[in-house]
Protein backbone atom coordinates (compact mmCIF):
# COMPACT_ATOMS: atom_id res chain seq x y z
CA MET A 1 -0.05 0.04 -0.02
CA SER A 2 2.94 2.19 -0.44
CA GLY A 3 2.28 5.67 -2.02
CA VAL A 4 -1.33 5.92 -0.98
CA ASP A 5 -2.68 8.71 1.07
CA PRO A 6 -1.98 7.70 4.70
CA VAL A 7 -4.65 9.97 6.24
CA LEU A 8 -7.39 8.41 4.03
CA LEU A 9 -6.34 4.95 4.81
CA ILE A 10 -6.30 5.62 8.58
CA LEU A 11 -9.66 7.11 8.65
CA THR A 12 -11.11 4.26 6.66
CA ALA A 13 -9.49 1.76 9.03
CA GLY A 14 -10.71 3.65 12.02
CA LEU A 15 -14.22 3.62 10.75
CA VAL A 16 -14.19 -0.01 10.02
CA ILE A 17 -12.67 -0.95 13.35
CA PHE A 18 -15.25 1.32 15.20
CA GLY A 19 -18.00 -0.34 13.20
CA LEU A 20 -16.91 -3.88 14.23
CA ILE A 21 -17.04 -2.82 17.82
CA MET A 22 -20.52 -1.37 17.49
CA VAL A 23 -21.85 -4.28 15.46
CA TYR A 24 -20.67 -6.57 18.24
CA SER A 25 -22.18 -4.39 20.87
CA SER A 26 -25.50 -3.94 19.15
CA SER A 27 -25.95 -7.43 17.79
CA PHE A 28 -24.84 -9.86 20.51
CA ILE A 29 -28.19 -10.33 22.34
CA PHE A 30 -30.18 -10.47 19.20
CA ALA A 31 -27.83 -12.95 17.54
CA GLN A 32 -27.98 -15.10 20.63
CA GLU A 33 -31.66 -15.17 20.49
CA ARG A 34 -31.97 -15.66 16.85
CA THR A 35 -29.19 -18.15 16.23
CA GLY A 36 -28.04 -19.37 19.64
CA ASP A 37 -24.62 -17.90 19.04
CA GLY A 38 -24.09 -14.26 20.19
CA PHE A 39 -21.02 -13.97 18.12
CA ALA A 40 -22.79 -14.95 14.87
CA PHE A 41 -23.17 -11.48 13.45
CA ILE A 42 -19.75 -10.08 14.33
CA LYS A 43 -18.09 -13.28 12.99
CA LYS A 44 -19.73 -12.59 9.67
CA GLN A 45 -18.85 -8.80 9.76
CA LEU A 46 -15.23 -9.67 10.54
CA ALA A 47 -15.27 -11.92 7.48
CA PHE A 48 -16.76 -9.18 5.41
CA ALA A 49 -14.20 -6.68 6.69
CA ALA A 50 -11.49 -9.09 5.70
CA MET A 51 -12.77 -9.66 2.33
CA GLY A 52 -13.25 -5.95 1.92
CA GLY A 53 -9.76 -5.20 3.01
CA LEU A 54 -8.41 -7.66 0.48
CA LEU A 55 -10.41 -6.10 -2.31
CA LEU A 56 -9.25 -2.67 -1.22
CA SER A 57 -5.65 -3.78 -1.52
CA VAL A 58 -6.29 -5.11 -4.99
CA SER A 59 -8.30 -2.12 -6.30
CA ALA A 60 -5.55 0.21 -4.90
CA GLN A 61 -3.16 -1.36 -7.28
CA VAL A 62 -5.38 -1.17 -10.31
CA PRO A 63 -4.64 2.04 -12.23
CA TYR A 64 -7.77 4.17 -11.93
CA GLU A 65 -7.70 5.13 -15.69
CA ASN A 66 -8.91 1.48 -16.41
CA TRP A 67 -12.26 2.26 -14.90
CA LYS A 68 -13.06 4.65 -17.71
CA LYS A 69 -12.65 1.74 -20.14
CA TRP A 70 -14.73 -0.49 -17.90
CA ALA A 71 -17.66 1.86 -17.30
CA TYR A 72 -20.19 0.34 -19.77
CA PRO A 73 -19.38 -3.26 -18.78
CA LEU A 74 -19.73 -2.30 -15.10
CA LEU A 75 -23.11 -0.66 -15.93
CA GLY A 76 -24.02 -3.67 -17.84
CA THR A 77 -23.25 -6.04 -14.86
CA ALA A 78 -25.22 -3.75 -12.55
CA VAL A 79 -28.35 -3.87 -14.73
CA LEU A 80 -28.00 -7.69 -15.13
CA SER A 81 -27.73 -8.19 -11.32
CA LEU A 82 -30.78 -5.98 -10.84
CA LEU A 83 -32.61 -8.22 -13.19
CA LEU A 84 -31.59 -11.32 -11.52
CA VAL A 85 -33.00 -10.00 -8.16
CA LEU A 86 -36.57 -10.01 -9.71
CA ILE A 87 -36.21 -13.84 -10.64
CA PRO A 88 -38.39 -15.83 -8.21
CA GLY A 89 -36.05 -18.35 -6.32
CA LEU A 90 -33.04 -16.31 -6.98
CA GLY A 91 -34.07 -13.06 -5.64
CA ALA A 92 -34.60 -12.94 -1.89
CA ARG A 93 -37.30 -10.92 -0.19
CA THR A 94 -36.80 -9.43 3.25
CA GLY A 95 -39.03 -6.97 4.92
CA GLY A 96 -41.29 -6.44 1.99
CA ALA A 97 -38.45 -5.67 -0.46
CA GLN A 98 -36.64 -7.91 -2.89
CA ARG A 99 -33.13 -6.55 -3.10
CA TRP A 100 -30.94 -9.58 -2.59
CA ILE A 101 -29.57 -12.48 -4.70
CA ARG A 102 -29.37 -15.67 -2.72
CA LEU A 103 -27.03 -18.16 -4.26
CA LEU A 104 -25.00 -21.12 -2.69
CA GLY A 105 -26.01 -20.03 0.92
CA PHE A 106 -24.78 -16.40 0.45
CA GLN A 107 -26.81 -13.21 -0.12
CA PHE A 108 -25.59 -10.34 -2.12
CA GLN A 109 -27.25 -6.89 -2.52
CA PRO A 110 -26.65 -5.71 -6.14
CA GLY A 111 -27.84 -2.15 -5.26
CA GLU A 112 -24.48 -1.60 -3.54
CA TRP A 113 -22.46 -2.53 -6.63
CA THR A 114 -24.96 -0.57 -8.82
CA LYS A 115 -24.12 2.62 -6.95
CA PHE A 116 -20.43 2.23 -7.62
CA ALA A 117 -20.93 1.31 -11.22
CA CYS A 118 -23.16 4.28 -11.77
CA MET A 119 -20.44 6.66 -10.27
CA VAL A 120 -17.91 5.26 -12.76
CA PHE A 121 -20.28 5.71 -15.66
CA VAL A 122 -21.16 9.24 -14.70
CA ALA A 123 -17.55 10.25 -14.41
CA ARG A 124 -16.87 8.64 -17.68
CA GLN A 125 -19.72 10.41 -19.48
CA LEU A 126 -18.90 13.79 -18.20
CA THR A 127 -15.20 13.42 -19.10
CA LEU A 128 -15.91 12.36 -22.68
CA LYS A 129 -18.40 15.29 -23.02
CA GLN A 130 -16.37 17.96 -21.18
CA ASP A 131 -16.16 20.06 -24.29
CA LYS A 132 -19.92 19.77 -25.00
CA LEU A 133 -21.24 20.55 -21.46
CA SER A 134 -22.67 23.75 -22.50
CA ARG A 135 -25.33 21.83 -24.43
CA PHE A 136 -28.18 20.03 -22.70
CA VAL A 137 -28.08 16.75 -24.56
CA PRO A 138 -24.54 15.72 -23.88
CA ALA A 139 -24.40 17.43 -20.41
CA VAL A 140 -27.63 15.85 -19.02
CA LEU A 141 -29.42 13.54 -21.34
CA SER A 142 -26.31 11.45 -22.05
CA VAL A 143 -26.08 10.76 -18.27
CA PHE A 144 -29.63 10.24 -17.07
CA VAL A 145 -31.11 8.53 -20.18
CA LEU A 146 -28.69 5.63 -20.00
CA LEU A 147 -29.30 5.40 -16.21
CA LEU A 148 -33.08 5.14 -16.57
CA PRO A 149 -32.99 1.27 -16.72
CA VAL A 150 -31.11 1.29 -13.41
CA PHE A 151 -33.57 3.63 -11.72
CA VAL A 152 -36.52 1.50 -12.94
CA LEU A 153 -35.03 -1.76 -11.75
CA LEU A 154 -34.20 -0.23 -8.36
CA LEU A 155 -37.63 1.10 -7.94
CA LEU A 156 -39.18 -2.29 -8.78
CA GLN A 157 -37.37 -3.83 -5.81
CA PRO A 158 -38.34 -1.32 -4.34
CA ASP A 159 -35.27 0.65 -3.33
CA PHE A 160 -36.09 4.36 -3.28
CA GLY A 161 -33.06 5.20 -1.08
CA SER A 162 -30.42 3.87 -3.50
CA THR A 163 -32.08 5.51 -6.35
CA ALA A 164 -32.21 8.91 -4.55
CA VAL A 165 -28.51 8.53 -3.63
CA ILE A 166 -27.46 7.86 -7.21
CA VAL A 167 -29.49 10.80 -8.59
CA MET A 168 -28.02 13.17 -5.85
CA VAL A 169 -24.37 12.19 -6.46
CA ALA A 170 -24.78 12.38 -10.16
CA PHE A 171 -26.15 15.89 -9.86
CA LEU A 172 -23.30 16.88 -7.67
CA LEU A 173 -20.78 15.46 -10.14
CA MET A 174 -22.54 17.38 -12.96
CA PHE A 175 -21.97 20.59 -10.92
CA LEU A 176 -18.32 19.84 -10.22
CA ALA A 177 -17.81 19.03 -13.98
CA GLY A 178 -19.19 22.56 -14.90
CA VAL A 179 -22.60 21.79 -16.29
CA PRO A 180 -24.33 25.30 -16.40
CA MET A 181 -26.90 26.06 -13.72
CA ARG A 182 -29.34 26.82 -16.38
CA PHE A 183 -29.47 22.95 -16.91
CA LEU A 184 -28.98 21.99 -13.30
CA GLY A 185 -31.85 24.10 -12.06
CA PRO A 186 -34.51 22.21 -14.08
CA VAL A 187 -32.69 18.87 -13.28
CA LEU A 188 -32.99 19.78 -9.66
CA ALA A 189 -36.64 20.79 -9.85
CA GLY A 190 -37.49 17.62 -11.96
CA GLY A 191 -35.74 15.41 -9.60
CA LEU A 192 -37.55 16.82 -6.57
CA GLY A 193 -40.74 16.52 -8.41
CA ALA A 194 -40.27 13.02 -9.33
CA GLY A 195 -39.21 12.28 -5.84
CA MET A 196 -42.40 13.66 -4.42
CA LEU A 197 -44.55 11.77 -6.86
CA LEU A 198 -42.80 8.56 -6.15
CA ALA A 199 -43.08 9.21 -2.33
CA LEU A 200 -46.75 10.11 -2.40
CA GLY A 201 -47.71 7.53 -4.97
CA SER A 202 -46.98 4.57 -2.81
CA ALA A 203 -48.97 3.65 0.24
CA TYR A 204 -45.99 2.37 2.31
CA ARG A 205 -43.90 5.62 1.40
CA ARG A 206 -46.98 7.81 2.45
CA ALA A 207 -46.96 5.93 5.83
CA ARG A 208 -43.33 6.50 6.28
CA ILE A 209 -43.83 10.17 5.65
CA MET A 210 -46.71 10.45 8.12
CA ALA A 211 -44.58 8.48 10.74
CA PHE A 212 -41.84 10.95 10.15
CA LEU A 213 -44.26 13.96 10.53
CA ASP A 214 -45.85 12.53 13.66
CA PRO A 215 -44.42 9.27 14.97
CA TRP A 216 -46.52 9.36 18.09
CA SER A 217 -49.66 9.07 15.95
CA ASP A 218 -48.75 5.39 15.66
CA PRO A 219 -46.36 4.65 18.44
CA GLY A 220 -46.66 0.86 18.22
CA GLY A 221 -46.51 0.69 14.50
CA ARG A 222 -44.87 3.02 11.95
CA GLY A 223 -43.69 5.37 14.46
CA PHE A 224 -42.11 2.82 16.84
CA GLN A 225 -38.64 2.63 15.32
CA ILE A 226 -37.93 6.30 15.27
CA ILE A 227 -39.44 6.77 18.79
CA GLN A 228 -37.16 4.05 20.10
CA SER A 229 -34.25 5.81 18.32
CA PHE A 230 -35.15 8.99 20.18
CA VAL A 231 -35.35 7.15 23.49
CA GLY A 232 -31.86 5.78 22.92
CA LEU A 233 -30.38 9.07 21.95
CA HIS A 234 -32.00 10.85 24.93
CA SER A 235 -30.76 8.12 27.35
CA GLY A 236 -27.22 8.50 26.09
CA GLY A 237 -26.97 12.19 27.10
CA ILE A 238 -23.49 13.75 26.74
CA SER A 239 -21.18 10.73 27.57
CA GLY A 240 -23.52 7.79 27.10
CA VAL A 241 -24.53 4.87 29.25
CA GLY A 242 -21.30 3.03 28.48
CA LEU A 243 -20.24 0.67 25.63
CA GLY A 244 -22.41 -2.55 25.80
CA ASN A 245 -24.74 -1.17 28.48
CA GLY A 246 -27.44 0.17 26.00
CA LYS A 247 -31.02 -1.14 26.42
CA GLU A 248 -32.59 -0.13 23.11
CA LYS A 249 -30.80 -3.09 21.36
CA LEU A 250 -32.60 -5.45 23.80
CA PHE A 251 -35.44 -5.98 21.13
CA PHE A 252 -36.85 -2.45 21.54
CA LEU A 253 -34.97 -0.80 18.55
CA PRO A 254 -35.58 -2.74 15.23
CA GLU A 255 -32.54 -2.91 13.12
CA ALA A 256 -30.26 -1.76 15.87
CA HIS A 257 -27.13 -3.35 14.18
CA ASN A 258 -28.14 -2.25 10.74
CA ASP A 259 -29.80 1.03 9.71
CA PHE A 260 -30.12 2.42 13.29
CA ILE A 261 -26.67 1.61 14.69
CA PHE A 262 -26.00 5.33 14.85
CA SER A 263 -28.73 5.42 17.66
CA VAL A 264 -26.94 2.75 19.50
CA VAL A 265 -23.79 4.80 19.28
CA GLY A 266 -25.67 7.79 20.79
CA GLU A 267 -27.10 5.69 23.59
CA GLU A 268 -23.93 3.97 24.54
CA LEU A 269 -21.29 6.69 23.88
CA GLY A 270 -23.58 9.73 24.03
CA PHE A 271 -23.24 12.99 22.17
CA ILE A 272 -19.51 12.70 22.39
CA GLY A 273 -19.63 9.37 20.42
CA LEU A 274 -22.08 10.83 17.87
CA CYS A 275 -19.81 13.83 17.33
CA ALA A 276 -16.72 11.57 16.81
CA VAL A 277 -18.58 9.65 14.22
CA VAL A 278 -19.68 12.73 12.42
CA LEU A 279 -16.13 14.16 12.55
CA GLY A 280 -14.72 11.04 11.17
CA PHE A 281 -16.98 11.17 8.06
CA VAL A 282 -16.45 14.92 7.80
CA LEU A 283 -12.60 14.18 7.58
CA LEU A 284 -13.03 11.41 5.19
CA ILE A 285 -15.10 13.48 2.91
CA TYR A 286 -12.73 16.39 3.18
CA ARG A 287 -9.68 14.25 2.34
CA GLY A 288 -11.40 12.39 -0.46
CA LEU A 289 -12.35 15.72 -2.08
CA VAL A 290 -8.85 17.23 -1.59
CA ILE A 291 -7.32 14.06 -3.25
CA SER A 292 -9.77 14.32 -6.16
CA TRP A 293 -9.16 18.04 -6.58
CA GLN A 294 -5.47 17.60 -6.62
CA ALA A 295 -5.98 15.22 -9.56
CA TRP A 296 -7.45 18.06 -11.41
CA GLU A 297 -5.28 20.93 -10.31
CA ARG A 298 -1.94 19.18 -10.68
CA ARG A 299 -2.62 16.85 -13.58
CA GLY A 300 -5.78 18.33 -15.32
CA ASP A 301 -7.39 14.92 -15.00
CA LEU A 302 -11.18 15.46 -15.00
CA PHE A 303 -11.93 11.82 -14.87
CA ALA A 304 -9.77 11.13 -11.77
CA MET A 305 -11.44 14.32 -10.10
CA LEU A 306 -14.98 13.06 -10.94
CA LEU A 307 -14.38 9.47 -9.98
CA GLY A 308 -12.64 10.35 -6.70
CA SER A 309 -15.42 12.93 -5.84
CA GLY A 310 -18.17 10.49 -6.81
CA ILE A 311 -16.82 7.67 -4.46
CA THR A 312 -16.41 10.31 -1.70
CA LEU A 313 -19.78 11.80 -2.11
CA LEU A 314 -21.37 8.35 -2.46
CA LEU A 315 -20.17 7.51 0.96
CA GLY A 316 -20.71 11.02 2.47
CA VAL A 317 -24.35 11.28 1.17
CA GLN A 318 -25.19 7.90 2.52
CA ALA A 319 -23.62 8.59 5.81
CA PHE A 320 -25.48 11.87 6.46
CA LEU A 321 -28.79 10.51 5.12
CA ASN A 322 -28.46 7.70 7.55
CA MET A 323 -27.79 9.97 10.47
CA ALA A 324 -30.56 12.25 9.42
CA VAL A 325 -33.15 9.35 9.46
CA VAL A 326 -31.93 8.25 12.96
CA LEU A 327 -32.19 11.75 14.28
CA GLY A 328 -35.68 12.03 12.81
CA LEU A 329 -34.77 14.78 10.38
CA ILE A 330 -35.96 12.96 7.25
CA PRO A 331 -38.25 9.89 6.70
CA THR A 332 -36.69 6.42 6.82
CA LYS A 333 -34.73 5.45 3.76
CA GLY A 334 -33.34 1.90 4.42
CA LEU A 335 -29.75 3.15 3.94
CA ALA A 336 -26.81 1.72 5.95
CA LEU A 337 -24.23 3.79 7.68
CA PRO A 338 -21.03 3.18 5.51
CA PHE A 339 -18.33 1.10 7.24
CA ILE A 340 -20.24 0.98 10.58
CA SER A 341 -23.62 -0.73 9.90
CA TYR A 342 -23.84 -4.55 9.70
CA GLY A 343 -24.13 -5.81 6.18
CA GLY A 344 -21.62 -7.63 3.89
CA SER A 345 -22.40 -6.16 0.50
CA ALA A 346 -22.20 -2.48 1.63
CA LEU A 347 -18.89 -2.98 3.65
CA VAL A 348 -17.17 -5.04 0.86
CA ILE A 349 -18.06 -2.62 -1.93
CA ASP A 350 -17.43 0.44 0.14
CA LEU A 351 -13.89 -0.88 0.92
CA PHE A 352 -13.44 -1.80 -2.67
CA ALA A 353 -14.33 1.65 -3.80
CA MET A 354 -11.98 3.26 -1.23
CA GLY A 355 -9.20 1.24 -2.87
CA VAL A 356 -10.06 3.03 -6.20
CA LEU A 357 -9.88 6.31 -4.32
CA LEU A 358 -6.52 5.43 -2.77
CA ASN A 359 -5.15 4.64 -6.09
CA ILE A 360 -6.14 8.15 -7.23
CA SER A 361 -4.26 9.37 -4.20
CA ARG A 362 -1.21 7.57 -5.26
CA SER A 363 -1.23 9.07 -8.69
CA THR A 364 -1.21 12.50 -7.31
CA ALA A 365 1.35 11.97 -4.47
CA GLY A 366 4.54 13.90 -4.98
CA LYS A 367 3.34 15.76 -8.09
CA GLY A 368 4.16 19.41 -8.43
CA GLU A 369 1.95 22.12 -7.40
């Protein structure tokens, strides 16, 4: 791993290690009850972390320029995997959503790979069209039209959260690439309008919005999870009740080791722990964007800048959306907290993507100002 940015590598490792600690703390009792082995989930997460670390070390060695050539095949594999999810017997349904492929005793969530593939594709498209970004078709339509099959397949699962993340990060990359605001304004308005129609056009999404607006109107149903999150955050106070001593994970807070692990952090480590996690992600995002900008400033490499920024923003947007859900600032989205929540697909793909960003950092290290 010589030559890569040490700060980014340390931040990534720190978040993963912290995530392993919190997965163990938040899942032991649940795993004991569900499987008879309190270490069941943490053993799996350790295996996922090891696999992700191996893939990080591999992707950090692959010259990032290759991803430009592989953009269309990557997008193709993403679309194919999303189609496989819909095949009965191969696609696995959990919690009312069919988002997983079950094969040979393993489950994989193609949506995680799809997010990475889409960022590579958007970076490639904007780089190839960089001399034509003053025109609407190459600047906007060449990106979103080709992503439409991805959006449709994600919404069929349904996976509104991943769709929203891809759209948001693609919009931000278009802004960074220099697409004029006269195009971005209508894109933003159209995206918000489509999001509202999708949210209000589905009964379960309308129920989520109502639970977000007034969770106490259905405290034993739709509002239960966010209320229990509030209880855990309140109990934690400034310094928390102590690592391992939280009570919300004792079958009060659903998905305590998954989407709502940030609430467990707040209960056990308090406001101080929450701030530490936020600071970790802020530093990670800052460092990732600095590395990406250096690729443009020092080498004039737009693709490296957009690819690095896309990976960084993908992690950052998901992290802060997850935190916002846990804090009751937005309706529930079903998004994991990168590097920290339990889940193999997300952890492995996120670490793989960080390896790509580390390779970009290696290409800019030691270059002249």
